[in-house]
Amino acid sequence: MCGCEERTAASVPLRRTEPVTLTALVWAPDWPQEMNLVADEFMRQNPGIRVEVQFMIGNSVEENLKPKIASGNLPDIVSINPNTYAARLSDQGILAELGQTRVWGNMLDTLKGDWTSSQQHHYGIAGGVASTLIYYNKSMFDKAGIKTVP
């Protein structure tokens, strides 16, 4: 997820007396309920902050963000992949610099390069780490004459 409005420590008050609402624009066509559960848990842990989850539609993150960028109506948080498009948005100052945040510091160093633009802007936080495992049936490989895994 990425922040879309840059703020400095001096511009964010330490204590808020009024509730805060954050908008989160997410790409989650296969698991919208889970995103709402994440937002609900965040709000439970942070009672003064409300998260309004908005879901992207269509075919791409780009087609959802371009009109919002053009109208100056960006969400506070956006889910985006670490790619050339996102890096360009960061270099243009559209995505917030996250390199000095605690969550950036807690991210695995091996992931930080994915979220760093060519101009060294740190524009996103990895949502997790995944790996793909492949299982195979040794007996079938033996019967097929395959001695080593391809």
N, C-alpha and C. Protein backbone atom coordinates (compact mmCIF):
# COMPACT_ATOMS: atom_id res chain seq x y z
N MET A 1 0.84 -1.16 0.00
CA MET A 1 0.00 0.00 0.00
C MET A 1 0.89 1.23 0.00
N CYS A 2 0.37 2.28 -0.56
CA CYS A 2 1.15 3.51 -0.67
C CYS A 2 0.33 4.66 -0.14
N GLY A 3 1.00 5.64 0.42
CA GLY A 3 0.33 6.87 0.83
C GLY A 3 0.32 7.84 -0.33
N CYS A 4 -0.74 8.58 -0.48
CA CYS A 4 -0.85 9.49 -1.61
C CYS A 4 -0.69 10.94 -1.24
N GLU A 5 -0.48 11.25 0.00
CA GLU A 5 -0.29 12.64 0.39
C GLU A 5 0.92 12.72 1.29
N GLU A 6 1.92 13.48 0.87
CA GLU A 6 3.13 13.59 1.66
C GLU A 6 2.90 14.51 2.84
N ARG A 7 3.33 14.05 4.00
CA ARG A 7 3.23 14.85 5.21
C ARG A 7 4.56 14.76 5.94
N THR A 8 4.91 15.82 6.58
CA THR A 8 6.11 15.80 7.40
C THR A 8 5.70 15.62 8.84
N ALA A 9 6.65 15.25 9.67
CA ALA A 9 6.35 15.07 11.09
C ALA A 9 5.78 16.34 11.70
N ALA A 10 6.25 17.49 11.23
CA ALA A 10 5.78 18.77 11.78
C ALA A 10 4.33 19.05 11.40
N SER A 11 3.85 18.48 10.28
CA SER A 11 2.49 18.78 9.83
C SER A 11 1.45 17.83 10.41
N VAL A 12 1.88 16.78 11.11
CA VAL A 12 0.94 15.83 11.68
C VAL A 12 0.94 15.99 13.19
N PRO A 13 -0.19 16.40 13.77
CA PRO A 13 -0.24 16.57 15.22
C PRO A 13 -0.06 15.24 15.94
N LEU A 14 0.51 15.28 17.14
CA LEU A 14 0.72 14.07 17.90
C LEU A 14 -0.58 13.51 18.47
N ARG A 15 -1.48 14.37 18.87
CA ARG A 15 -2.77 13.94 19.43
C ARG A 15 -3.90 14.59 18.65
N ARG A 16 -4.90 13.80 18.35
CA ARG A 16 -6.08 14.33 17.67
C ARG A 16 -7.27 14.16 18.60
N THR A 17 -8.09 15.17 18.66
CA THR A 17 -9.28 15.08 19.48
C THR A 17 -10.50 14.73 18.65
N GLU A 18 -10.45 14.97 17.36
CA GLU A 18 -11.58 14.64 16.50
C GLU A 18 -11.24 13.39 15.69
N PRO A 19 -12.25 12.62 15.32
CA PRO A 19 -12.00 11.40 14.54
C PRO A 19 -11.38 11.72 13.18
N VAL A 20 -10.59 10.80 12.69
CA VAL A 20 -9.94 10.93 11.39
C VAL A 20 -10.51 9.84 10.47
N THR A 21 -10.81 10.21 9.24
CA THR A 21 -11.24 9.22 8.25
C THR A 21 -10.20 9.14 7.15
N LEU A 22 -9.73 7.93 6.89
CA LEU A 22 -8.79 7.67 5.81
C LEU A 22 -9.52 6.90 4.72
N THR A 23 -9.26 7.27 3.47
CA THR A 23 -9.80 6.50 2.36
C THR A 23 -8.71 5.57 1.84
N ALA A 24 -9.09 4.34 1.60
CA ALA A 24 -8.15 3.34 1.08
C ALA A 24 -8.73 2.78 -0.21
N LEU A 25 -8.03 3.02 -1.32
CA LEU A 25 -8.45 2.51 -2.62
C LEU A 25 -7.66 1.23 -2.88
N VAL A 26 -8.35 0.10 -2.95
CA VAL A 26 -7.65 -1.18 -3.04
C VAL A 26 -8.08 -1.98 -4.25
N TRP A 27 -7.13 -2.76 -4.76
CA TRP A 27 -7.40 -3.70 -5.83
C TRP A 27 -7.52 -5.06 -5.16
N ALA A 28 -8.75 -5.52 -4.98
CA ALA A 28 -8.98 -6.80 -4.31
C ALA A 28 -10.22 -7.48 -4.90
N PRO A 29 -10.22 -7.74 -6.22
CA PRO A 29 -11.42 -8.31 -6.82
C PRO A 29 -11.76 -9.71 -6.29
N ASP A 30 -10.77 -10.43 -5.81
CA ASP A 30 -11.00 -11.80 -5.35
C ASP A 30 -11.24 -11.92 -3.85
N TRP A 31 -10.97 -10.87 -3.10
CA TRP A 31 -11.11 -10.97 -1.65
C TRP A 31 -11.52 -9.65 -0.99
N PRO A 32 -12.65 -9.08 -1.42
CA PRO A 32 -13.09 -7.82 -0.81
C PRO A 32 -13.46 -7.97 0.67
N GLN A 33 -14.04 -9.11 1.05
CA GLN A 33 -14.42 -9.29 2.45
C GLN A 33 -13.19 -9.23 3.36
N GLU A 34 -12.10 -9.81 2.91
CA GLU A 34 -10.88 -9.82 3.71
C GLU A 34 -10.34 -8.41 3.91
N MET A 35 -10.43 -7.58 2.86
CA MET A 35 -9.96 -6.19 3.00
C MET A 35 -10.81 -5.43 4.02
N ASN A 36 -12.10 -5.69 4.01
CA ASN A 36 -12.96 -5.05 5.01
C ASN A 36 -12.64 -5.55 6.41
N LEU A 37 -12.29 -6.82 6.55
CA LEU A 37 -11.89 -7.35 7.85
C LEU A 37 -10.60 -6.69 8.34
N VAL A 38 -9.65 -6.48 7.43
CA VAL A 38 -8.40 -5.80 7.79
C VAL A 38 -8.70 -4.38 8.28
N ALA A 39 -9.55 -3.68 7.54
CA ALA A 39 -9.92 -2.31 7.94
C ALA A 39 -10.64 -2.31 9.28
N ASP A 40 -11.55 -3.27 9.48
CA ASP A 40 -12.27 -3.35 10.75
C ASP A 40 -11.32 -3.59 11.92
N GLU A 41 -10.36 -4.47 11.73
CA GLU A 41 -9.40 -4.75 12.81
C GLU A 41 -8.53 -3.53 13.09
N PHE A 42 -8.11 -2.83 12.02
CA PHE A 42 -7.32 -1.62 12.22
C PHE A 42 -8.12 -0.60 13.03
N MET A 43 -9.39 -0.42 12.67
CA MET A 43 -10.23 0.56 13.39
C MET A 43 -10.47 0.12 14.84
N ARG A 44 -10.56 -1.18 15.07
CA ARG A 44 -10.71 -1.67 16.44
C ARG A 44 -9.48 -1.31 17.27
N GLN A 45 -8.30 -1.45 16.66
CA GLN A 45 -7.06 -1.16 17.37
C GLN A 45 -6.76 0.34 17.44
N ASN A 46 -7.40 1.12 16.59
CA ASN A 46 -7.18 2.57 16.52
C ASN A 46 -8.53 3.27 16.52
N PRO A 47 -9.18 3.39 17.69
CA PRO A 47 -10.55 3.86 17.75
C PRO A 47 -10.80 5.26 17.19
N GLY A 48 -9.81 6.11 17.12
CA GLY A 48 -10.02 7.46 16.60
C GLY A 48 -9.86 7.57 15.10
N ILE A 49 -9.63 6.43 14.43
CA ILE A 49 -9.39 6.45 12.99
C ILE A 49 -10.40 5.55 12.29
N ARG A 50 -11.09 6.12 11.32
CA ARG A 50 -12.04 5.36 10.50
C ARG A 50 -11.41 5.15 9.13
N VAL A 51 -11.52 3.93 8.61
CA VAL A 51 -11.00 3.61 7.28
C VAL A 51 -12.18 3.33 6.36
N GLU A 52 -12.28 4.12 5.31
CA GLU A 52 -13.31 3.92 4.29
C GLU A 52 -12.66 3.19 3.12
N VAL A 53 -13.00 1.91 2.96
CA VAL A 53 -12.41 1.09 1.91
C VAL A 53 -13.20 1.29 0.62
N GLN A 54 -12.48 1.63 -0.44
CA GLN A 54 -13.06 1.76 -1.78
C GLN A 54 -12.37 0.72 -2.66
N PHE A 55 -13.14 0.06 -3.50
CA PHE A 55 -12.58 -0.99 -4.34
C PHE A 55 -12.44 -0.52 -5.78
N MET A 56 -11.27 -0.81 -6.35
CA MET A 56 -11.03 -0.47 -7.75
C MET A 56 -11.89 -1.37 -8.62
N ILE A 57 -12.24 -0.85 -9.79
CA ILE A 57 -13.02 -1.61 -10.76
C ILE A 57 -12.28 -1.57 -12.09
N GLY A 58 -12.76 -2.33 -13.05
CA GLY A 58 -12.15 -2.29 -14.37
C GLY A 58 -11.00 -3.26 -14.49
N ASN A 59 -10.03 -2.87 -15.32
CA ASN A 59 -8.96 -3.79 -15.69
C ASN A 59 -7.61 -3.49 -15.09
N SER A 60 -7.43 -2.31 -14.50
CA SER A 60 -6.09 -2.01 -13.99
C SER A 60 -6.12 -0.93 -12.92
N VAL A 61 -5.05 -0.92 -12.17
CA VAL A 61 -4.85 0.13 -11.16
C VAL A 61 -4.74 1.47 -11.87
N GLU A 62 -4.02 1.49 -13.00
CA GLU A 62 -3.81 2.74 -13.74
C GLU A 62 -5.12 3.40 -14.14
N GLU A 63 -6.06 2.61 -14.67
CA GLU A 63 -7.31 3.22 -15.12
C GLU A 63 -8.13 3.73 -13.94
N ASN A 64 -7.88 3.23 -12.74
CA ASN A 64 -8.56 3.74 -11.55
C ASN A 64 -7.88 4.99 -11.02
N LEU A 65 -6.56 5.06 -11.11
CA LEU A 65 -5.83 6.19 -10.54
C LEU A 65 -5.79 7.42 -11.45
N LYS A 66 -5.69 7.22 -12.76
CA LYS A 66 -5.54 8.37 -13.66
C LYS A 66 -6.62 9.44 -13.48
N PRO A 67 -7.91 9.09 -13.43
CA PRO A 67 -8.91 10.15 -13.23
C PRO A 67 -8.81 10.80 -11.85
N LYS A 68 -8.42 10.03 -10.85
CA LYS A 68 -8.28 10.60 -9.51
C LYS A 68 -7.10 11.57 -9.46
N ILE A 69 -6.03 11.23 -10.14
CA ILE A 69 -4.87 12.13 -10.21
C ILE A 69 -5.26 13.41 -10.94
N ALA A 70 -5.94 13.26 -12.08
CA ALA A 70 -6.34 14.42 -12.89
C ALA A 70 -7.27 15.35 -12.13
N SER A 71 -8.14 14.79 -11.29
CA SER A 71 -9.10 15.62 -10.56
C SER A 71 -8.58 16.06 -9.19
N GLY A 72 -7.39 15.58 -8.82
CA GLY A 72 -6.84 15.93 -7.51
C GLY A 72 -7.61 15.29 -6.37
N ASN A 73 -8.25 14.17 -6.65
CA ASN A 73 -9.08 13.50 -5.66
C ASN A 73 -8.49 12.13 -5.30
N LEU A 74 -7.25 12.15 -4.82
CA LEU A 74 -6.56 10.91 -4.49
C LEU A 74 -6.97 10.38 -3.12
N PRO A 75 -6.94 9.05 -2.97
CA PRO A 75 -7.20 8.47 -1.65
C PRO A 75 -5.98 8.69 -0.74
N ASP A 76 -6.17 8.44 0.54
CA ASP A 76 -5.05 8.54 1.48
C ASP A 76 -4.11 7.35 1.33
N ILE A 77 -4.68 6.20 1.00
CA ILE A 77 -3.92 4.95 0.87
C ILE A 77 -4.36 4.29 -0.43
N VAL A 78 -3.41 3.72 -1.15
CA VAL A 78 -3.74 3.01 -2.38
C VAL A 78 -2.92 1.74 -2.46
N SER A 79 -3.55 0.66 -2.90
CA SER A 79 -2.79 -0.57 -3.12
C SER A 79 -2.30 -0.54 -4.56
N ILE A 80 -1.01 -0.80 -4.70
CA ILE A 80 -0.38 -0.71 -6.01
C ILE A 80 0.81 -1.66 -6.01
N ASN A 81 1.14 -2.18 -7.16
CA ASN A 81 2.30 -3.05 -7.26
C ASN A 81 3.56 -2.23 -7.49
N PRO A 82 4.70 -2.78 -7.11
CA PRO A 82 5.96 -2.07 -7.37
C PRO A 82 6.33 -2.24 -8.85
N ASN A 83 6.01 -1.24 -9.64
CA ASN A 83 6.28 -1.31 -11.07
C ASN A 83 6.66 0.07 -11.59
N THR A 84 6.91 0.15 -12.88
CA THR A 84 7.35 1.41 -13.49
C THR A 84 6.32 2.51 -13.31
N TYR A 85 5.04 2.18 -13.46
CA TYR A 85 3.98 3.18 -13.30
C TYR A 85 4.01 3.77 -11.89
N ALA A 86 4.06 2.92 -10.89
CA ALA A 86 4.08 3.40 -9.50
C ALA A 86 5.33 4.22 -9.23
N ALA A 87 6.47 3.78 -9.75
CA ALA A 87 7.72 4.51 -9.54
C ALA A 87 7.63 5.90 -10.17
N ARG A 88 7.02 6.00 -11.35
CA ARG A 88 6.84 7.32 -11.99
C ARG A 88 5.96 8.22 -11.14
N LEU A 89 4.88 7.67 -10.59
CA LEU A 89 4.01 8.47 -9.72
C LEU A 89 4.79 8.99 -8.52
N SER A 90 5.65 8.15 -7.99
CA SER A 90 6.47 8.56 -6.86
C SER A 90 7.43 9.67 -7.26
N ASP A 91 8.09 9.49 -8.39
CA ASP A 91 9.05 10.51 -8.85
C ASP A 91 8.36 11.83 -9.17
N GLN A 92 7.07 11.79 -9.51
CA GLN A 92 6.30 13.01 -9.79
C GLN A 92 5.75 13.64 -8.51
N GLY A 93 5.99 13.01 -7.37
CA GLY A 93 5.50 13.55 -6.10
C GLY A 93 4.05 13.21 -5.81
N ILE A 94 3.48 12.29 -6.56
CA ILE A 94 2.08 11.91 -6.35
C ILE A 94 1.94 10.94 -5.19
N LEU A 95 2.92 10.06 -5.03
CA LEU A 95 2.92 9.14 -3.90
C LEU A 95 3.86 9.67 -2.82
N ALA A 96 3.49 9.46 -1.60
CA ALA A 96 4.26 9.97 -0.46
C ALA A 96 5.61 9.26 -0.33
N GLU A 97 6.58 9.96 0.20
CA GLU A 97 7.89 9.40 0.53
C GLU A 97 7.74 8.66 1.86
N LEU A 98 8.02 7.37 1.84
CA LEU A 98 7.82 6.54 3.02
C LEU A 98 9.11 6.07 3.67
N GLY A 99 10.24 6.49 3.13
CA GLY A 99 11.53 6.00 3.60
C GLY A 99 11.86 6.30 5.05
N GLN A 100 11.26 7.32 5.63
CA GLN A 100 11.55 7.68 7.02
C GLN A 100 10.51 7.14 7.99
N THR A 101 9.58 6.32 7.50
CA THR A 101 8.54 5.80 8.38
C THR A 101 9.02 4.56 9.12
N ARG A 102 8.39 4.29 10.24
CA ARG A 102 8.74 3.11 11.03
C ARG A 102 8.47 1.84 10.24
N VAL A 103 7.36 1.80 9.51
CA VAL A 103 7.02 0.59 8.77
C VAL A 103 8.04 0.31 7.65
N TRP A 104 8.57 1.37 7.02
CA TRP A 104 9.64 1.16 6.02
C TRP A 104 10.86 0.55 6.70
N GLY A 105 11.20 1.07 7.85
CA GLY A 105 12.35 0.54 8.59
C GLY A 105 12.17 -0.91 9.00
N ASN A 106 10.93 -1.34 9.19
CA ASN A 106 10.65 -2.72 9.59
C ASN A 106 10.55 -3.68 8.41
N MET A 107 10.50 -3.15 7.19
CA MET A 107 10.36 -4.00 6.02
C MET A 107 11.68 -4.72 5.75
N LEU A 108 11.61 -5.93 5.25
CA LEU A 108 12.82 -6.68 4.90
C LEU A 108 13.66 -5.89 3.90
N ASP A 109 14.95 -5.81 4.14
CA ASP A 109 15.84 -5.06 3.25
C ASP A 109 15.77 -5.57 1.82
N THR A 110 15.59 -6.87 1.65
CA THR A 110 15.55 -7.42 0.29
C THR A 110 14.33 -6.95 -0.50
N LEU A 111 13.31 -6.43 0.17
CA LEU A 111 12.11 -5.94 -0.51
C LEU A 111 12.16 -4.45 -0.81
N LYS A 112 13.03 -3.74 -0.14
CA LYS A 112 13.06 -2.28 -0.27
C LYS A 112 13.38 -1.81 -1.68
N GLY A 113 14.23 -2.53 -2.39
CA GLY A 113 14.59 -2.15 -3.76
C GLY A 113 13.39 -2.15 -4.69
N ASP A 114 12.45 -3.07 -4.46
CA ASP A 114 11.25 -3.13 -5.29
C ASP A 114 10.41 -1.87 -5.15
N TRP A 115 10.47 -1.24 -3.98
CA TRP A 115 9.63 -0.08 -3.66
C TRP A 115 10.43 1.22 -3.68
N THR A 116 11.56 1.22 -4.37
CA THR A 116 12.40 2.42 -4.49
C THR A 116 12.48 2.79 -5.97
N SER A 117 12.14 4.03 -6.29
CA SER A 117 12.16 4.48 -7.69
C SER A 117 13.59 4.75 -8.14
N SER A 118 13.74 5.00 -9.43
CA SER A 118 15.08 5.30 -9.97
C SER A 118 15.64 6.60 -9.39
N GLN A 119 14.74 7.47 -8.91
CA GLN A 119 15.18 8.72 -8.27
C GLN A 119 15.28 8.57 -6.75
N GLN A 120 15.28 7.31 -6.30
CA GLN A 120 15.46 6.97 -4.88
C GLN A 120 14.31 7.41 -3.97
N HIS A 121 13.10 7.48 -4.51
CA HIS A 121 11.91 7.72 -3.69
C HIS A 121 11.41 6.37 -3.19
N HIS A 122 11.03 6.31 -1.95
CA HIS A 122 10.53 5.09 -1.32
C HIS A 122 9.01 5.21 -1.26
N TYR A 123 8.31 4.51 -2.12
CA TYR A 123 6.90 4.81 -2.35
C TYR A 123 5.92 3.74 -1.91
N GLY A 124 6.35 2.66 -1.36
CA GLY A 124 5.39 1.62 -0.98
C GLY A 124 5.92 0.70 0.09
N ILE A 125 5.01 -0.04 0.66
CA ILE A 125 5.34 -1.01 1.70
C ILE A 125 4.81 -2.36 1.23
N ALA A 126 5.66 -3.36 1.26
CA ALA A 126 5.25 -4.70 0.86
C ALA A 126 4.16 -5.21 1.79
N GLY A 127 3.15 -5.82 1.20
CA GLY A 127 2.05 -6.36 2.00
C GLY A 127 2.34 -7.75 2.53
N GLY A 128 3.47 -8.31 2.16
CA GLY A 128 3.83 -9.64 2.63
C GLY A 128 4.85 -10.27 1.72
N VAL A 129 5.20 -11.48 2.03
CA VAL A 129 6.16 -12.24 1.24
C VAL A 129 5.49 -13.56 0.89
N ALA A 130 5.61 -13.97 -0.34
CA ALA A 130 5.00 -15.23 -0.76
C ALA A 130 6.02 -16.04 -1.54
N SER A 131 5.86 -17.33 -1.49
CA SER A 131 6.70 -18.18 -2.31
C SER A 131 5.83 -19.30 -2.88
N THR A 132 6.26 -19.81 -3.99
CA THR A 132 5.52 -20.87 -4.66
C THR A 132 6.27 -22.17 -4.50
N LEU A 133 5.58 -23.18 -4.07
CA LEU A 133 6.17 -24.51 -3.92
C LEU A 133 5.61 -25.41 -5.00
N ILE A 134 6.45 -26.29 -5.50
CA ILE A 134 6.01 -27.25 -6.51
C ILE A 134 6.22 -28.65 -5.94
N TYR A 135 5.15 -29.42 -5.92
CA TYR A 135 5.22 -30.80 -5.47
C TYR A 135 5.19 -31.70 -6.69
N TYR A 136 5.91 -32.81 -6.60
CA TYR A 136 5.86 -33.76 -7.71
C TYR A 136 5.87 -35.17 -7.14
N ASN A 137 5.36 -36.09 -7.93
CA ASN A 137 5.25 -37.49 -7.54
C ASN A 137 6.52 -38.21 -8.01
N LYS A 138 7.36 -38.60 -7.06
CA LYS A 138 8.64 -39.23 -7.41
C LYS A 138 8.44 -40.54 -8.18
N SER A 139 7.42 -41.30 -7.80
CA SER A 139 7.17 -42.58 -8.49
C SER A 139 6.86 -42.35 -9.96
N MET A 140 6.05 -41.34 -10.24
CA MET A 140 5.70 -41.05 -11.63
C MET A 140 6.92 -40.58 -12.41
N PHE A 141 7.76 -39.78 -11.77
CA PHE A 141 8.98 -39.32 -12.44
C PHE A 141 9.88 -40.51 -12.73
N ASP A 142 10.01 -41.43 -11.75
CA ASP A 142 10.84 -42.63 -11.96
C ASP A 142 10.31 -43.45 -13.12
N LYS A 143 8.98 -43.67 -13.16
CA LYS A 143 8.37 -44.46 -14.24
C LYS A 143 8.59 -43.80 -15.60
N ALA A 144 8.65 -42.46 -15.61
CA ALA A 144 8.85 -41.73 -16.87
C ALA A 144 10.32 -41.64 -17.23
N GLY A 145 11.20 -42.15 -16.37
CA GLY A 145 12.63 -42.11 -16.65
C GLY A 145 13.29 -40.78 -16.33
N ILE A 146 12.60 -39.94 -15.57
CA ILE A 146 13.17 -38.63 -15.20
C ILE A 146 13.99 -38.83 -13.93
N LYS A 147 15.29 -38.59 -14.02
CA LYS A 147 16.20 -38.83 -12.89
C LYS A 147 16.41 -37.60 -12.01
N THR A 148 16.33 -36.40 -12.61
CA THR A 148 16.50 -35.16 -11.83
C THR A 148 15.32 -34.24 -12.11
N VAL A 149 14.99 -33.44 -11.14
CA VAL A 149 13.88 -32.51 -11.30
C VAL A 149 14.24 -31.48 -12.35
N PRO A 150 13.37 -31.29 -13.36
CA PRO A 150 13.69 -30.32 -14.43
C PRO A 150 13.69 -28.89 -13.92
